[in-house]
Amino acid sequence: MEQRARGVGKCAADHLGSFGYPTRPAECYGFCSQCGGSMVWDCPSCHATLPDDPDELKLAHFCRECGSPYFEAAERAAEPCEEPALRIISGRAGPAEAADRAG
């Protein structure tokens, strides 16, 4: 990859990243901080930059310049993005727990 002052990238799970912008790392990084997948910062085939627009970048899977995929099909399938399930914890017992405690 050509050394750039700043840029945007993504992983196969469509998590976005950037470098060189205020509050962002100074250099591109190899792995996604959300899922650990490999990051792509430019087209692996023609080295064109990825779209700067976040909405377009999130949806983009193929290069605008040469049409090559950013990720191989096997890599995209190997990186499922499972959002963590939310677990609500409260101090109040529901009806089932209250009945168990009463006894």
Foldseek 3Di string as FASTA:
>chain_A
DDDDQKFKKAFLQLDIAMANDPPHHRGDDQADPQQGGGIDQAAPPPRHGADPDSVRRSPDQADPPPRHGSDDPVRSVVGHDDDDDDDDDDPDDDPVVVVVVVD
